[in-house]
Each structure stands twice: as C-alpha cells, then as structure tokens.
C-alpha cells in the first residue's frame, strides 16, 4: 500500500536512523566494557567506538542516499524532491547520542582513606 510513497519511505528512513543512535551507543558501551572494566577506560573506549561508528555511517549513508538511476523527468515525476529528507533529519539524531556519550563521564569517588 505505501511501498511506492516517497514520503513514507523518508519517514521510515528517519526512524531507522533515529534507532541507529541508541544501538551504536549501547554497542560502543558493551565493547568498551568487554575490553576493560575500569570506568575511565569504558568512557574513553565508548568515545572511540562512537567516533569510529559515526565515521563509518557518514561514509556509507550519503553515498547510498544519492544513488538514483534515471533521468531528471523520471526523478521529478516520482515526487523525489523529498528524497533525502529522512536522512537529513535522521543523521543529527546520531550526533545527539555522541553528545550523550561525551556527557556521561565517570564520576570521581572520594577516597575515605585520605583523612
């Protein structure tokens, strides 16, 4: 029913990208915890893996989004001016999760033996 509607495709693209952010955050945290149980190392590992994941997404997604075979008339008759809107609004949601990874710093616990 909706498989040819470009607006619905872009809404789905937005929700897919909005779901990738938390998945990347959880995956980066789990990989960082698997490498080291120390909170500071988990924080640094999470940031490194989030950076790597985001670079891979930014390399892959724009090239996949602009792929279109056909002439200009076919492009406009299929209402393709909405093409890319889901990606355009969905990619910043991944950046929000990178900011949350930066803000989720390990807390310093005061040592009681320093009296």
N, C-alpha and C. Protein backbone atom coordinates (compact mmCIF):
# COMPACT_ATOMS: atom_id res chain seq x y z
N UNK A 1 0.81 -1.18 0.00
CA UNK A 1 0.00 0.00 0.00
C UNK A 1 0.87 1.26 0.00
N UNK A 2 1.86 1.32 0.90
CA UNK A 2 2.69 2.51 1.00
C UNK A 2 4.07 2.32 0.38
N UNK A 3 4.31 1.21 -0.30
CA UNK A 3 5.66 0.91 -0.75
C UNK A 3 6.15 1.84 -1.85
N UNK A 4 5.29 2.55 -2.55
CA UNK A 4 5.72 3.48 -3.59
C UNK A 4 5.63 4.93 -3.15
N UNK A 5 5.18 5.18 -1.96
CA UNK A 5 5.04 6.55 -1.48
C UNK A 5 6.39 7.05 -0.98
N UNK A 6 6.98 8.08 -1.62
CA UNK A 6 8.30 8.55 -1.19
C UNK A 6 8.30 9.20 0.19
N UNK A 7 7.19 9.79 0.58
CA UNK A 7 7.14 10.41 1.90
C UNK A 7 7.22 9.34 3.00
N UNK A 8 6.50 8.25 2.81
CA UNK A 8 6.54 7.16 3.78
C UNK A 8 7.94 6.55 3.84
N UNK A 9 8.60 6.44 2.70
CA UNK A 9 9.96 5.92 2.68
C UNK A 9 10.90 6.82 3.48
N UNK A 10 10.72 8.11 3.37
CA UNK A 10 11.58 9.03 4.10
C UNK A 10 11.28 9.02 5.60
N UNK A 11 10.03 8.82 5.96
CA UNK A 11 9.69 8.70 7.38
C UNK A 11 10.33 7.45 7.96
N UNK A 12 10.30 6.36 7.20
CA UNK A 12 10.93 5.12 7.63
C UNK A 12 12.44 5.32 7.73
N UNK A 13 13.04 6.02 6.77
CA UNK A 13 14.47 6.29 6.81
C UNK A 13 14.83 7.10 8.05
N UNK A 14 13.99 8.07 8.41
CA UNK A 14 14.25 8.85 9.61
C UNK A 14 14.22 7.97 10.86
N UNK A 15 13.20 7.12 10.97
CA UNK A 15 13.10 6.27 12.16
C UNK A 15 14.22 5.25 12.23
N UNK A 16 14.68 4.77 11.09
CA UNK A 16 15.81 3.84 11.09
C UNK A 16 17.05 4.54 11.62
N UNK A 17 17.32 5.75 11.13
CA UNK A 17 18.49 6.49 11.62
C UNK A 17 18.33 6.91 13.07
N UNK A 18 17.13 7.23 13.48
CA UNK A 18 16.90 7.58 14.88
C UNK A 18 17.12 6.37 15.79
N UNK A 19 16.89 5.17 15.29
CA UNK A 19 17.11 3.96 16.08
C UNK A 19 18.57 3.53 16.06
N UNK A 20 19.33 3.94 15.05
CA UNK A 20 20.74 3.55 14.98
C UNK A 20 21.54 4.20 16.10
N UNK A 21 21.21 5.43 16.47
CA UNK A 21 21.95 6.15 17.52
C UNK A 21 22.02 5.39 18.83
N UNK A 22 20.89 5.01 19.43
CA UNK A 22 20.98 4.27 20.69
C UNK A 22 21.63 2.89 20.54
N UNK A 23 21.44 2.27 19.37
CA UNK A 23 22.08 0.96 19.16
C UNK A 23 23.60 1.12 19.13
N UNK A 24 24.09 2.17 18.47
CA UNK A 24 25.52 2.43 18.45
C UNK A 24 26.06 2.74 19.84
N UNK A 25 25.31 3.50 20.61
CA UNK A 25 25.73 3.85 21.96
C UNK A 25 25.85 2.60 22.83
N UNK A 26 24.84 1.75 22.78
CA UNK A 26 24.87 0.52 23.58
C UNK A 26 25.99 -0.40 23.10
N UNK A 27 26.15 -0.52 21.78
CA UNK A 27 27.22 -1.39 21.25
C UNK A 27 28.59 -0.87 21.65
N UNK A 28 28.79 0.44 21.56
CA UNK A 28 30.08 1.02 21.95
C UNK A 28 30.34 0.82 23.44
N UNK A 29 29.32 0.96 24.26
CA UNK A 29 29.48 0.75 25.70
C UNK A 29 29.80 -0.71 26.00
N UNK A 30 29.09 -1.64 25.38
CA UNK A 30 29.35 -3.05 25.63
C UNK A 30 30.74 -3.47 25.16
N UNK A 31 31.17 -2.97 24.02
CA UNK A 31 32.51 -3.30 23.55
C UNK A 31 33.56 -2.70 24.48
N UNK A 32 33.34 -1.48 24.93
CA UNK A 32 34.28 -0.84 25.85
C UNK A 32 34.32 -1.58 27.19
N UNK A 33 33.19 -2.05 27.69
CA UNK A 33 33.17 -2.82 28.93
C UNK A 33 33.84 -4.18 28.76
N UNK A 34 33.72 -4.73 27.56
CA UNK A 34 34.34 -6.02 27.29
C UNK A 34 35.87 -5.88 27.29
N UNK A 35 36.36 -4.73 26.85
CA UNK A 35 37.80 -4.51 26.79
C UNK A 35 38.37 -4.22 28.18
N UNK A 36 37.71 -3.39 28.96
CA UNK A 36 38.24 -3.02 30.27
C UNK A 36 37.09 -2.68 31.23
N UNK A 37 37.17 -3.15 32.48
CA UNK A 37 36.11 -2.82 33.44
C UNK A 37 36.32 -1.48 34.17
N UNK A 38 37.42 -0.81 33.93
CA UNK A 38 37.72 0.45 34.60
C UNK A 38 36.85 1.56 34.01
N UNK A 39 36.14 2.33 34.87
CA UNK A 39 35.20 3.34 34.35
C UNK A 39 35.83 4.35 33.38
N UNK A 40 37.04 4.79 33.68
CA UNK A 40 37.69 5.76 32.78
C UNK A 40 37.97 5.14 31.41
N UNK A 41 38.38 3.88 31.41
CA UNK A 41 38.65 3.19 30.14
C UNK A 41 37.35 2.92 29.38
N UNK A 42 36.28 2.66 30.11
CA UNK A 42 34.97 2.48 29.46
C UNK A 42 34.55 3.78 28.76
N UNK A 43 34.75 4.89 29.45
CA UNK A 43 34.40 6.19 28.88
C UNK A 43 35.19 6.49 27.61
N UNK A 44 36.50 6.30 27.68
CA UNK A 44 37.35 6.56 26.52
C UNK A 44 37.05 5.58 25.39
N UNK A 45 36.86 4.31 25.73
CA UNK A 45 36.53 3.31 24.72
C UNK A 45 35.20 3.60 24.05
N UNK A 46 34.22 4.04 24.84
CA UNK A 46 32.91 4.38 24.27
C UNK A 46 33.05 5.52 23.28
N UNK A 47 33.83 6.54 23.63
CA UNK A 47 34.02 7.68 22.72
C UNK A 47 34.74 7.25 21.44
N UNK A 48 35.74 6.40 21.58
CA UNK A 48 36.49 5.95 20.40
C UNK A 48 35.58 5.14 19.48
N UNK A 49 34.82 4.21 20.05
CA UNK A 49 33.96 3.39 19.22
C UNK A 49 32.80 4.20 18.62
N UNK A 50 32.26 5.15 19.35
CA UNK A 50 31.22 6.01 18.79
C UNK A 50 31.78 6.81 17.61
N UNK A 51 33.02 7.30 17.75
CA UNK A 51 33.65 8.05 16.67
C UNK A 51 33.84 7.16 15.44
N UNK A 52 34.33 5.94 15.65
CA UNK A 52 34.54 5.01 14.53
C UNK A 52 33.21 4.68 13.86
N UNK A 53 32.19 4.37 14.66
CA UNK A 53 30.88 4.04 14.09
C UNK A 53 30.31 5.22 13.30
N UNK A 54 30.44 6.42 13.84
CA UNK A 54 29.89 7.61 13.16
C UNK A 54 30.63 7.88 11.85
N UNK A 55 31.94 7.70 11.84
CA UNK A 55 32.69 7.89 10.60
C UNK A 55 32.24 6.88 9.55
N UNK A 56 32.05 5.63 9.96
CA UNK A 56 31.58 4.61 9.01
C UNK A 56 30.19 4.94 8.47
N UNK A 57 29.32 5.43 9.33
CA UNK A 57 27.97 5.80 8.88
C UNK A 57 28.02 6.99 7.93
N UNK A 58 28.84 7.99 8.26
CA UNK A 58 28.92 9.17 7.39
C UNK A 58 29.58 8.86 6.06
N UNK A 59 30.40 7.83 6.00
CA UNK A 59 30.99 7.42 4.72
C UNK A 59 29.97 6.64 3.90
N UNK A 60 29.23 5.75 4.54
CA UNK A 60 28.33 4.87 3.81
C UNK A 60 27.00 5.51 3.43
N UNK A 61 26.34 6.18 4.37
CA UNK A 61 24.97 6.65 4.13
C UNK A 61 24.81 7.69 3.03
N UNK A 62 25.59 8.75 2.97
CA UNK A 62 25.36 9.73 1.90
C UNK A 62 25.54 9.13 0.51
N UNK A 63 26.49 8.22 0.36
CA UNK A 63 26.67 7.62 -0.96
C UNK A 63 25.50 6.72 -1.31
N UNK A 64 24.89 6.07 -0.33
CA UNK A 64 23.73 5.23 -0.60
C UNK A 64 22.48 6.07 -0.85
N UNK A 65 22.40 7.26 -0.26
CA UNK A 65 21.20 8.08 -0.39
C UNK A 65 21.12 8.78 -1.74
N UNK A 66 22.24 9.08 -2.35
CA UNK A 66 22.20 9.81 -3.61
C UNK A 66 22.14 8.88 -4.82
N UNK A 67 22.18 7.58 -4.58
CA UNK A 67 22.13 6.65 -5.70
C UNK A 67 20.74 6.67 -6.32
N UNK A 68 20.67 7.08 -7.59
CA UNK A 68 19.41 7.10 -8.32
C UNK A 68 19.74 6.87 -9.78
N UNK A 69 19.10 5.89 -10.36
CA UNK A 69 19.32 5.65 -11.79
C UNK A 69 18.08 6.13 -12.53
N UNK A 70 18.28 7.00 -13.44
CA UNK A 70 17.17 7.51 -14.23
C UNK A 70 17.42 8.94 -14.65
N UNK A 71 16.56 9.44 -15.52
CA UNK A 71 16.72 10.80 -15.99
C UNK A 71 15.98 11.78 -15.07
N UNK A 72 16.15 13.06 -15.35
CA UNK A 72 15.59 14.10 -14.49
C UNK A 72 14.06 14.08 -14.50
N UNK A 73 13.45 13.79 -15.62
CA UNK A 73 11.98 13.77 -15.69
C UNK A 73 11.40 12.67 -14.82
N UNK A 74 12.03 11.50 -14.85
CA UNK A 74 11.56 10.40 -14.01
C UNK A 74 11.75 10.73 -12.53
N UNK A 75 12.83 11.43 -12.24
CA UNK A 75 13.11 11.85 -10.86
C UNK A 75 11.98 12.73 -10.34
N UNK A 76 11.55 13.71 -11.12
CA UNK A 76 10.53 14.64 -10.67
C UNK A 76 9.11 14.07 -10.73
N UNK A 77 8.87 13.17 -11.65
CA UNK A 77 7.51 12.61 -11.73
C UNK A 77 7.24 11.64 -10.58
N UNK A 78 8.28 11.13 -9.95
CA UNK A 78 8.10 10.24 -8.81
C UNK A 78 8.12 11.01 -7.48
N UNK A 79 7.98 12.31 -7.54
CA UNK A 79 7.95 13.18 -6.36
C UNK A 79 9.21 12.97 -5.53
N UNK A 80 10.34 13.03 -6.18
CA UNK A 80 11.59 12.74 -5.50
C UNK A 80 12.21 13.96 -4.81
N UNK A 81 11.51 15.08 -4.80
CA UNK A 81 12.09 16.22 -4.09
C UNK A 81 12.14 15.99 -2.59
N UNK A 82 11.43 14.99 -2.11
CA UNK A 82 11.51 14.66 -0.70
C UNK A 82 12.63 13.67 -0.42
N UNK A 83 13.30 13.20 -1.47
CA UNK A 83 14.36 12.22 -1.30
C UNK A 83 15.48 12.80 -0.45
N UNK A 84 15.90 12.08 0.51
CA UNK A 84 16.99 12.51 1.36
C UNK A 84 16.55 13.26 2.61
N UNK A 85 15.27 13.60 2.72
CA UNK A 85 14.82 14.35 3.89
C UNK A 85 14.90 13.50 5.16
N UNK A 86 14.60 12.22 5.04
CA UNK A 86 14.70 11.33 6.20
C UNK A 86 16.13 11.22 6.69
N UNK A 87 17.06 11.15 5.75
CA UNK A 87 18.47 11.09 6.14
C UNK A 87 18.93 12.43 6.69
N UNK A 88 18.47 13.52 6.08
CA UNK A 88 18.89 14.84 6.52
C UNK A 88 18.46 15.13 7.96
N UNK A 89 17.27 14.69 8.33
CA UNK A 89 16.80 14.91 9.69
C UNK A 89 17.17 13.77 10.63
N UNK A 90 17.51 12.61 10.11
CA UNK A 90 17.84 11.47 10.95
C UNK A 90 19.29 11.43 11.39
N UNK A 91 20.20 11.93 10.55
CA UNK A 91 21.62 11.89 10.91
C UNK A 91 21.95 12.70 12.16
N UNK A 92 21.37 13.88 12.38
CA UNK A 92 21.68 14.59 13.62
C UNK A 92 21.26 13.85 14.89
N UNK A 93 20.32 12.92 14.79
CA UNK A 93 19.95 12.17 15.99
C UNK A 93 21.09 11.28 16.46
N UNK A 94 21.95 10.85 15.54
CA UNK A 94 23.13 10.08 15.93
C UNK A 94 24.10 11.00 16.67
N UNK A 95 24.20 12.24 16.22
CA UNK A 95 25.06 13.21 16.90
C UNK A 95 24.62 13.48 18.32
N UNK A 96 23.34 13.40 18.58
CA UNK A 96 22.83 13.57 19.94
C UNK A 96 23.38 12.48 20.85
N UNK A 97 23.45 11.26 20.34
CA UNK A 97 23.98 10.16 21.14
C UNK A 97 25.48 10.29 21.36
N UNK A 98 26.19 10.90 20.41
CA UNK A 98 27.62 11.17 20.61
C UNK A 98 27.79 12.21 21.72
N UNK A 99 26.94 13.21 21.73
CA UNK A 99 26.99 14.22 22.80
C UNK A 99 26.67 13.58 24.15
N UNK A 100 25.69 12.69 24.19
CA UNK A 100 25.38 11.99 25.44
C UNK A 100 26.56 11.12 25.89
N UNK A 101 27.27 10.53 24.95
CA UNK A 101 28.46 9.74 25.31
C UNK A 101 29.54 10.64 25.90
N UNK A 102 29.67 11.85 25.37
CA UNK A 102 30.64 12.80 25.93
C UNK A 102 30.24 13.25 27.33
N UNK A 103 28.96 13.44 27.55
CA UNK A 103 28.49 13.94 28.85
C UNK A 103 28.46 12.86 29.93
N UNK A 104 28.46 11.61 29.54
CA UNK A 104 28.36 10.52 30.51
C UNK A 104 29.75 10.15 31.02
N UNK A 105 30.38 11.09 31.69
CA UNK A 105 31.73 10.90 32.22
C UNK A 105 31.67 10.10 33.51
N UNK A 106 32.75 9.36 33.81
CA UNK A 106 32.77 8.64 35.08
C UNK A 106 32.89 9.63 36.23
N UNK A 107 32.20 9.34 37.30
CA UNK A 107 32.21 10.23 38.46
C UNK A 107 33.38 9.89 39.38
N UNK A 108 33.99 10.93 39.92
CA UNK A 108 35.08 10.72 40.86
C UNK A 108 34.49 10.37 42.22
N UNK A 109 34.97 9.30 42.77
CA UNK A 109 34.51 8.87 44.09
C UNK A 109 35.60 9.23 45.09
N UNK A 110 35.25 10.04 46.10
CA UNK A 110 36.28 10.43 47.06
C UNK A 110 36.76 9.22 47.85
N UNK A 111 38.05 9.19 48.05
CA UNK A 111 38.66 8.09 48.80
C UNK A 111 38.56 8.40 50.30
N UNK A 112 37.99 7.47 51.08
CA UNK A 112 37.81 7.68 52.51
C UNK A 112 39.12 7.54 53.30
N UNK A 113 40.14 7.03 52.67
CA UNK A 113 41.43 6.81 53.37
C UNK A 113 42.30 8.04 53.36
N UNK A 114 41.85 9.16 52.86
CA UNK A 114 42.67 10.37 52.77
C UNK A 114 42.45 11.30 53.94
N UNK A 115 42.14 10.81 55.10
CA UNK A 115 41.85 11.64 56.25
C UNK A 115 43.10 12.14 56.91
